[in-house]
Amino acid sequence: MTEVLQIRDAAVADLRQIINLLRDDPLGQSRESGDVEVYYKAFARMSEAVGNVYMLATFGEQTVGCLQFTIIHGLS
């Protein structure tokens, strides 16, 4: 079976993989919190906000990326 890159909405169950990605980043090594509960609270608030989507990129079973997509309404 050939593995393909898939992009989908992230779920609470994905938070551990997302946290690992953030901590693996050179900037994240010094700024990410050790308190996992902070991420769960932030994800819940973010998920409740209109126009806010957190997405996950996977390759096979491996999580390879994540992004936050936010729509900000404006006139320009």
PDB file of N, CA and C in Angstrom:
ATOM      1  N   MET A   1       0.838  -1.186   0.000  1.00  0.00           N
ATOM      2  CA  MET A   1       0.000   0.000   0.000  1.00  0.00           C
ATOM      3  C   MET A   1       0.878   1.243   0.000  1.00  0.00           C
ATOM      4  N   THR A   2       0.566   2.187  -0.849  1.00  0.00           N
ATOM      5  CA  THR A   2       1.313   3.430  -0.918  1.00  0.00           C
ATOM      6  C   THR A   2       0.746   4.428   0.083  1.00  0.00           C
ATOM      7  N   GLU A   3       1.619   5.004   0.881  1.00  0.00           N
ATOM      8  CA  GLU A   3       1.175   6.008   1.838  1.00  0.00           C
ATOM      9  C   GLU A   3       1.071   7.353   1.144  1.00  0.00           C
ATOM     10  N   VAL A   4       0.085   8.134   1.536  1.00  0.00           N
ATOM     11  CA  VAL A   4      -0.113   9.455   0.957  1.00  0.00           C
ATOM     12  C   VAL A   4      -0.241  10.481   2.070  1.00  0.00           C
ATOM     13  N   LEU A   5       0.094  11.710   1.741  1.00  0.00           N
ATOM     14  CA  LEU A   5      -0.084  12.806   2.685  1.00  0.00           C
ATOM     15  C   LEU A   5      -1.562  13.120   2.780  1.00  0.00           C
ATOM     16  N   GLN A   6      -2.078  13.165   3.987  1.00  0.00           N
ATOM     17  CA  GLN A   6      -3.473  13.523   4.202  1.00  0.00           C
ATOM     18  C   GLN A   6      -3.543  14.710   5.142  1.00  0.00           C
ATOM     19  N   ILE A   7      -4.478  15.601   4.880  1.00  0.00           N
ATOM     20  CA  ILE A   7      -4.702  16.758   5.736  1.00  0.00           C
ATOM     21  C   ILE A   7      -6.151  16.707   6.195  1.00  0.00           C
ATOM     22  N   ARG A   8      -6.339  16.828   7.504  1.00  0.00           N
ATOM     23  CA  ARG A   8      -7.681  16.726   8.078  1.00  0.00           C
ATOM     24  C   ARG A   8      -7.779  17.618   9.305  1.00  0.00           C
ATOM     25  N   ASP A   9      -9.008  17.830   9.746  1.00  0.00           N
ATOM     26  CA  ASP A   9      -9.207  18.568  10.988  1.00  0.00           C
ATOM     27  C   ASP A   9      -8.586  17.784  12.142  1.00  0.00           C
ATOM     28  N   ALA A  10      -7.943  18.498  13.027  1.00  0.00           N
ATOM     29  CA  ALA A  10      -7.354  17.865  14.209  1.00  0.00           C
ATOM     30  C   ALA A  10      -8.446  17.614  15.249  1.00  0.00           C
ATOM     31  N   ALA A  11      -8.221  16.605  16.059  1.00  0.00           N
ATOM     32  CA  ALA A  11      -9.139  16.255  17.145  1.00  0.00           C
ATOM     33  C   ALA A  11      -8.364  16.248  18.454  1.00  0.00           C
ATOM     34  N   VAL A  12      -9.090  16.261  19.551  1.00  0.00           N
ATOM     35  CA  VAL A  12      -8.462  16.228  20.872  1.00  0.00           C
ATOM     36  C   VAL A  12      -7.509  15.037  20.977  1.00  0.00           C
ATOM     37  N   ALA A  13      -7.878  13.924  20.370  1.00  0.00           N
ATOM     38  CA  ALA A  13      -7.044  12.719  20.422  1.00  0.00           C
ATOM     39  C   ALA A  13      -5.684  12.927  19.746  1.00  0.00           C
ATOM     40  N   ASP A  14      -5.556  13.966  18.930  1.00  0.00           N
ATOM     41  CA  ASP A  14      -4.297  14.254  18.223  1.00  0.00           C
ATOM     42  C   ASP A  14      -3.349  15.144  19.017  1.00  0.00           C
ATOM     43  N   LEU A  15      -3.794  15.649  20.156  1.00  0.00           N
ATOM     44  CA  LEU A  15      -2.994  16.649  20.870  1.00  0.00           C
ATOM     45  C   LEU A  15      -1.605  16.172  21.269  1.00  0.00           C
ATOM     46  N   ARG A  16      -1.459  14.942  21.663  1.00  0.00           N
ATOM     47  CA  ARG A  16      -0.123  14.445  22.056  1.00  0.00           C
ATOM     48  C   ARG A  16       0.857  14.545  20.883  1.00  0.00           C
ATOM     49  N   GLN A  17       0.397  14.157  19.683  1.00  0.00           N
ATOM     50  CA  GLN A  17       1.268  14.243  18.506  1.00  0.00           C
ATOM     51  C   GLN A  17       1.569  15.701  18.157  1.00  0.00           C
ATOM     52  N   ILE A  18       0.574  16.568  18.294  1.00  0.00           N
ATOM     53  CA  ILE A  18       0.768  17.995  18.011  1.00  0.00           C
ATOM     54  C   ILE A  18       1.782  18.591  18.979  1.00  0.00           C
ATOM     55  N   ILE A  19       1.642  18.274  20.255  1.00  0.00           N
ATOM     56  CA  ILE A  19       2.578  18.782  21.266  1.00  0.00           C
ATOM     57  C   ILE A  19       3.996  18.299  20.956  1.00  0.00           C
ATOM     58  N   ASN A  20       4.128  17.055  20.567  1.00  0.00           N
ATOM     59  CA  ASN A  20       5.453  16.528  20.210  1.00  0.00           C
ATOM     60  C   ASN A  20       6.049  17.281  19.021  1.00  0.00           C
ATOM     61  N   LEU A  21       5.219  17.593  18.024  1.00  0.00           N
ATOM     62  CA  LEU A  21       5.705  18.376  16.884  1.00  0.00           C
ATOM     63  C   LEU A  21       6.174  19.752  17.323  1.00  0.00           C
ATOM     64  N   LEU A  22       5.375  20.405  18.159  1.00  0.00           N
ATOM     65  CA  LEU A  22       5.729  21.751  18.621  1.00  0.00           C
ATOM     66  C   LEU A  22       7.026  21.742  19.428  1.00  0.00           C
ATOM     67  N   ARG A  23       7.194  20.744  20.260  1.00  0.00           N
ATOM     68  CA  ARG A  23       8.402  20.650  21.088  1.00  0.00           C
ATOM     69  C   ARG A  23       9.628  20.248  20.276  1.00  0.00           C
ATOM     70  N   ASP A  24       9.420  19.596  19.146  1.00  0.00           N
ATOM     71  CA  ASP A  24      10.529  19.170  18.294  1.00  0.00           C
ATOM     72  C   ASP A  24      11.110  20.325  17.481  1.00  0.00           C
ATOM     73  N   ASP A  25      10.332  21.373  17.299  1.00  0.00           N
ATOM     74  CA  ASP A  25      10.768  22.551  16.560  1.00  0.00           C
ATOM     75  C   ASP A  25      11.858  23.282  17.348  1.00  0.00           C
ATOM     76  N   PRO A  26      12.908  23.795  16.685  1.00  0.00           N
ATOM     77  CA  PRO A  26      13.970  24.501  17.415  1.00  0.00           C
ATOM     78  C   PRO A  26      13.454  25.643  18.301  1.00  0.00           C
ATOM     79  N   LEU A  27      12.477  26.412  17.832  1.00  0.00           N
ATOM     80  CA  LEU A  27      11.913  27.474  18.667  1.00  0.00           C
ATOM     81  C   LEU A  27      11.064  26.901  19.795  1.00  0.00           C
ATOM     82  N   GLY A  28      10.351  25.828  19.500  1.00  0.00           N
ATOM     83  CA  GLY A  28       9.467  25.228  20.485  1.00  0.00           C
ATOM     84  C   GLY A  28      10.185  24.579  21.644  1.00  0.00           C
ATOM     85  N   GLN A  29      11.429  24.187  21.446  1.00  0.00           N
ATOM     86  CA  GLN A  29      12.179  23.527  22.516  1.00  0.00           C
ATOM     87  C   GLN A  29      12.314  24.416  23.744  1.00  0.00           C
ATOM     88  N   SER A  30      12.327  25.723  23.538  1.00  0.00           N
ATOM     89  CA  SER A  30      12.483  26.627  24.682  1.00  0.00           C
ATOM     90  C   SER A  30      11.187  27.320  25.081  1.00  0.00           C
ATOM     91  N   ARG A  31      10.153  27.260  24.252  1.00  0.00           N
ATOM     92  CA  ARG A  31       8.948  28.022  24.576  1.00  0.00           C
ATOM     93  C   ARG A  31       7.733  27.183  24.926  1.00  0.00           C
ATOM     94  N   GLU A  32       7.713  25.907  24.562  1.00  0.00           N
ATOM     95  CA  GLU A  32       6.524  25.098  24.801  1.00  0.00           C
ATOM     96  C   GLU A  32       6.418  24.702  26.271  1.00  0.00           C
ATOM     97  N   SER A  33       5.183  24.656  26.742  1.00  0.00           N
ATOM     98  CA  SER A  33       4.902  24.367  28.137  1.00  0.00           C
ATOM     99  C   SER A  33       5.059  22.883  28.446  1.00  0.00           C
ATOM    100  N   GLY A  34       5.443  22.586  29.665  1.00  0.00           N
ATOM    101  CA  GLY A  34       5.496  21.209  30.137  1.00  0.00           C
ATOM    102  C   GLY A  34       4.149  20.754  30.668  1.00  0.00           C
ATOM    103  N   ASP A  35       3.239  21.714  30.844  1.00  0.00           N
ATOM    104  CA  ASP A  35       1.906  21.429  31.369  1.00  0.00           C
ATOM    105  C   ASP A  35       0.964  21.080  30.216  1.00  0.00           C
ATOM    106  N   VAL A  36       0.692  19.807  30.028  1.00  0.00           N
ATOM    107  CA  VAL A  36      -0.135  19.344  28.915  1.00  0.00           C
ATOM    108  C   VAL A  36      -1.552  19.906  28.998  1.00  0.00           C
ATOM    109  N   GLU A  37      -2.039  20.140  30.200  1.00  0.00           N
ATOM    110  CA  GLU A  37      -3.402  20.659  30.378  1.00  0.00           C
ATOM    111  C   GLU A  37      -3.592  22.011  29.689  1.00  0.00           C
ATOM    112  N   VAL A  38      -2.544  22.796  29.598  1.00  0.00           N
ATOM    113  CA  VAL A  38      -2.602  24.097  28.911  1.00  0.00           C
ATOM    114  C   VAL A  38      -3.022  23.901  27.457  1.00  0.00           C
ATOM    115  N   TYR A  39      -2.500  22.887  26.811  1.00  0.00           N
ATOM    116  CA  TYR A  39      -2.812  22.613  25.404  1.00  0.00           C
ATOM    117  C   TYR A  39      -4.261  22.155  25.234  1.00  0.00           C
ATOM    118  N   TYR A  40      -4.749  21.349  26.175  1.00  0.00           N
ATOM    119  CA  TYR A  40      -6.134  20.893  26.097  1.00  0.00           C
ATOM    120  C   TYR A  40      -7.099  22.071  26.248  1.00  0.00           C
ATOM    121  N   LYS A  41      -6.813  22.972  27.160  1.00  0.00           N
ATOM    122  CA  LYS A  41      -7.658  24.155  27.348  1.00  0.00           C
ATOM    123  C   LYS A  41      -7.610  25.056  26.124  1.00  0.00           C
ATOM    124  N   ALA A  42      -6.427  25.258  25.584  1.00  0.00           N
ATOM    125  CA  ALA A  42      -6.277  26.107  24.395  1.00  0.00           C
ATOM    126  C   ALA A  42      -7.005  25.490  23.199  1.00  0.00           C
ATOM    127  N   PHE A  43      -6.887  24.180  23.029  1.00  0.00           N
ATOM    128  CA  PHE A  43      -7.561  23.504  21.918  1.00  0.00           C
ATOM    129  C   PHE A  43      -9.074  23.641  22.043  1.00  0.00           C
ATOM    130  N   ALA A  44      -9.594  23.508  23.246  1.00  0.00           N
ATOM    131  CA  ALA A  44     -11.038  23.643  23.471  1.00  0.00           C
ATOM    132  C   ALA A  44     -11.500  25.054  23.132  1.00  0.00           C
ATOM    133  N   ARG A  45     -10.784  26.069  23.593  1.00  0.00           N
ATOM    134  CA  ARG A  45     -11.153  27.457  23.293  1.00  0.00           C
ATOM    135  C   ARG A  45     -11.076  27.733  21.796  1.00  0.00           C
ATOM    136  N   MET A  46     -10.024  27.242  21.185  1.00  0.00           N
ATOM    137  CA  MET A  46      -9.819  27.447  19.758  1.00  0.00           C
ATOM    138  C   MET A  46     -10.922  26.759  18.951  1.00  0.00           C
ATOM    139  N   SER A  47     -11.295  25.570  19.340  1.00  0.00           N
ATOM    140  CA  SER A  47     -12.320  24.813  18.631  1.00  0.00           C
ATOM    141  C   SER A  47     -13.694  25.467  18.725  1.00  0.00           C
ATOM    142  N   GLU A  48     -13.932  26.183  19.807  1.00  0.00           N
ATOM    143  CA  GLU A  48     -15.217  26.850  20.007  1.00  0.00           C
ATOM    144  C   GLU A  48     -15.322  28.150  19.213  1.00  0.00           C
ATOM    145  N   ALA A  49     -14.215  28.721  18.815  1.00  0.00           N
ATOM    146  CA  ALA A  49     -14.214  30.008  18.118  1.00  0.00           C
ATOM    147  C   ALA A  49     -14.663  29.829  16.670  1.00  0.00           C
ATOM    148  N   VAL A  50     -15.576  30.676  16.236  1.00  0.00           N
ATOM    149  CA  VAL A  50     -16.060  30.638  14.860  1.00  0.00           C
ATOM    150  C   VAL A  50     -14.932  31.056  13.916  1.00  0.00           C
ATOM    151  N   GLY A  51     -14.789  30.323  12.810  1.00  0.00           N
ATOM    152  CA  GLY A  51     -13.776  30.664  11.816  1.00  0.00           C
ATOM    153  C   GLY A  51     -12.380  30.212  12.180  1.00  0.00           C
ATOM    154  N   ASN A  52     -12.266  29.301  13.102  1.00  0.00           N
ATOM    155  CA  ASN A  52     -10.970  28.829  13.581  1.00  0.00           C
ATOM    156  C   ASN A  52     -10.896  27.315  13.387  1.00  0.00           C
ATOM    157  N   VAL A  53      -9.909  26.849  12.630  1.00  0.00           N
ATOM    158  CA  VAL A  53      -9.754  25.422  12.378  1.00  0.00           C
ATOM    159  C   VAL A  53      -8.300  25.036  12.631  1.00  0.00           C
ATOM    160  N   TYR A  54      -8.101  23.937  13.321  1.00  0.00           N
ATOM    161  CA  TYR A  54      -6.758  23.405  13.523  1.00  0.00           C
ATOM    162  C   TYR A  54      -6.662  22.145  12.686  1.00  0.00           C
ATOM    163  N   MET A  55      -5.645  22.061  11.843  1.00  0.00           N
ATOM    164  CA  MET A  55      -5.528  20.952  10.907  1.00  0.00           C
ATOM    165  C   MET A  55      -4.264  20.155  11.164  1.00  0.00           C
ATOM    166  N   LEU A  56      -4.324  18.901  10.751  1.00  0.00           N
ATOM    167  CA  LEU A  56      -3.234  17.972  10.985  1.00  0.00           C
ATOM    168  C   LEU A  56      -2.840  17.327   9.659  1.00  0.00           C
ATOM    169  N   ALA A  57      -1.548  17.219   9.422  1.00  0.00           N
ATOM    170  CA  ALA A  57      -1.035  16.526   8.239  1.00  0.00           C
ATOM    171  C   ALA A  57      -0.433  15.205   8.700  1.00  0.00           C
ATOM    172  N   THR A  58      -0.848  14.125   8.040  1.00  0.00           N
ATOM    173  CA  THR A  58      -0.326  12.807   8.376  1.00  0.00           C
ATOM    174  C   THR A  58       0.202  12.135   7.114  1.00  0.00           C
ATOM    175  N   PHE A  59       1.198  11.318   7.316  1.00  0.00           N
ATOM    176  CA  PHE A  59       1.763  10.498   6.243  1.00  0.00           C
ATOM    177  C   PHE A  59       1.758   9.081   6.771  1.00  0.00           C
ATOM    178  N   GLY A  60       0.817   8.301   6.292  1.00  0.00           N
ATOM    179  CA  GLY A  60       0.618   6.992   6.889  1.00  0.00           C
ATOM    180  C   GLY A  60       0.126   7.178   8.315  1.00  0.00           C
ATOM    181  N   GLU A  61       0.785   6.549   9.255  1.00  0.00           N
ATOM    182  CA  GLU A  61       0.417   6.668  10.669  1.00  0.00           C
ATOM    183  C   GLU A  61       1.157   7.808  11.371  1.00  0.00           C
ATOM    184  N   GLN A  62       2.080   8.460  10.676  1.00  0.00           N
ATOM    185  CA  GLN A  62       2.931   9.479  11.293  1.00  0.00           C
ATOM    186  C   GLN A  62       2.345  10.877  11.109  1.00  0.00           C
ATOM    187  N   THR A  63       2.299  11.644  12.195  1.00  0.00           N
ATOM    188  CA  THR A  63       1.906  13.048  12.138  1.00  0.00           C
ATOM    189  C   THR A  63       3.121  13.853  11.712  1.00  0.00           C
ATOM    190  N   VAL A  64       2.977  14.595  10.615  1.00  0.00           N
ATOM    191  CA  VAL A  64       4.124  15.312  10.058  1.00  0.00           C
ATOM    192  C   VAL A  64       3.954  16.834  10.057  1.00  0.00           C
ATOM    193  N   GLY A  65       2.775  17.333  10.409  1.00  0.00           N
ATOM    194  CA  GLY A  65       2.588  18.779  10.430  1.00  0.00           C
ATOM    195  C   GLY A  65       1.245  19.165  11.004  1.00  0.00           C
ATOM    196  N   CYS A  66       1.133  20.426  11.380  1.00  0.00           N
ATOM    197  CA  CYS A  66      -0.127  20.957  11.879  1.00  0.00           C
ATOM    198  C   CYS A  66      -0.182  22.445  11.566  1.00  0.00           C
ATOM    199  N   LEU A  67      -1.389  22.964  11.492  1.00  0.00           N
ATOM    200  CA  LEU A  67      -1.546  24.395  11.270  1.00  0.00           C
ATOM    201  C   LEU A  67      -2.870  24.873  11.836  1.00  0.00           C
ATOM    202  N   GLN A  68      -2.879  26.138  12.173  1.00  0.00           N
ATOM    203  CA  GLN A  68      -4.113  26.782  12.627  1.00  0.00           C
ATOM    204  C   GLN A  68      -4.542  27.719  11.514  1.00  0.00           C
ATOM    205  N   PHE A  69      -5.770  27.584  11.074  1.00  0.00           N
ATOM    206  CA  PHE A  69      -6.336  28.410  10.020  1.00  0.00           C
ATOM    207  C   PHE A  69      -7.433  29.246  10.649  1.00  0.00           C
ATOM    208  N   THR A  70      -7.286  30.561  10.596  1.00  0.00           N
ATOM    209  CA  THR A  70      -8.245  31.468  11.211  1.00  0.00           C
ATOM    210  C   THR A  70      -8.765  32.447  10.161  1.00  0.00           C
ATOM    211  N   ILE A  71     -10.080  32.548  10.059  1.00  0.00           N
ATOM    212  CA  ILE A  71     -10.692  33.513   9.163  1.00  0.00           C
ATOM    213  C   ILE A  71     -10.967  34.777   9.966  1.00  0.00           C
ATOM    214  N   ILE A  72     -10.403  35.883   9.484  1.00  0.00           N
ATOM    215  CA  ILE A  72     -10.638  37.181  10.110  1.00  0.00           C
ATOM    216  C   ILE A  72     -11.426  38.020   9.110  1.00  0.00           C
ATOM    217  N   HIS A  73     -12.638  38.363   9.452  1.00  0.00           N
ATOM    218  CA  HIS A  73     -13.489  39.117   8.543  1.00  0.00           C
ATOM    219  C   HIS A  73     -13.032  40.570   8.476  1.00  0.00           C
ATOM    220  N   GLY A  74     -12.993  41.083   7.278  1.00  0.00           N
ATOM    221  CA  GLY A  74     -12.589  42.461   7.089  1.00  0.00           C
ATOM    222  C   GLY A  74     -13.056  42.963   5.726  1.00  0.00           C
ATOM    223  N   LEU A  75     -12.788  44.195   5.434  1.00  0.00           N
ATOM    224  CA  LEU A  75     -13.234  44.805   4.184  1.00  0.00           C
ATOM    225  C   LEU A  75     -12.145  44.849   3.140  1.00  0.00           C
ATOM    226  N   SER A  76     -10.896  44.595   3.480  1.00  0.00           N
ATOM    227  CA  SER A  76      -9.832  44.706   2.489  1.00  0.00           C
ATOM    228  C   SER A  76      -9.589  43.422   1.758  1.00  0.00           C
TER     229      SER A  76
END
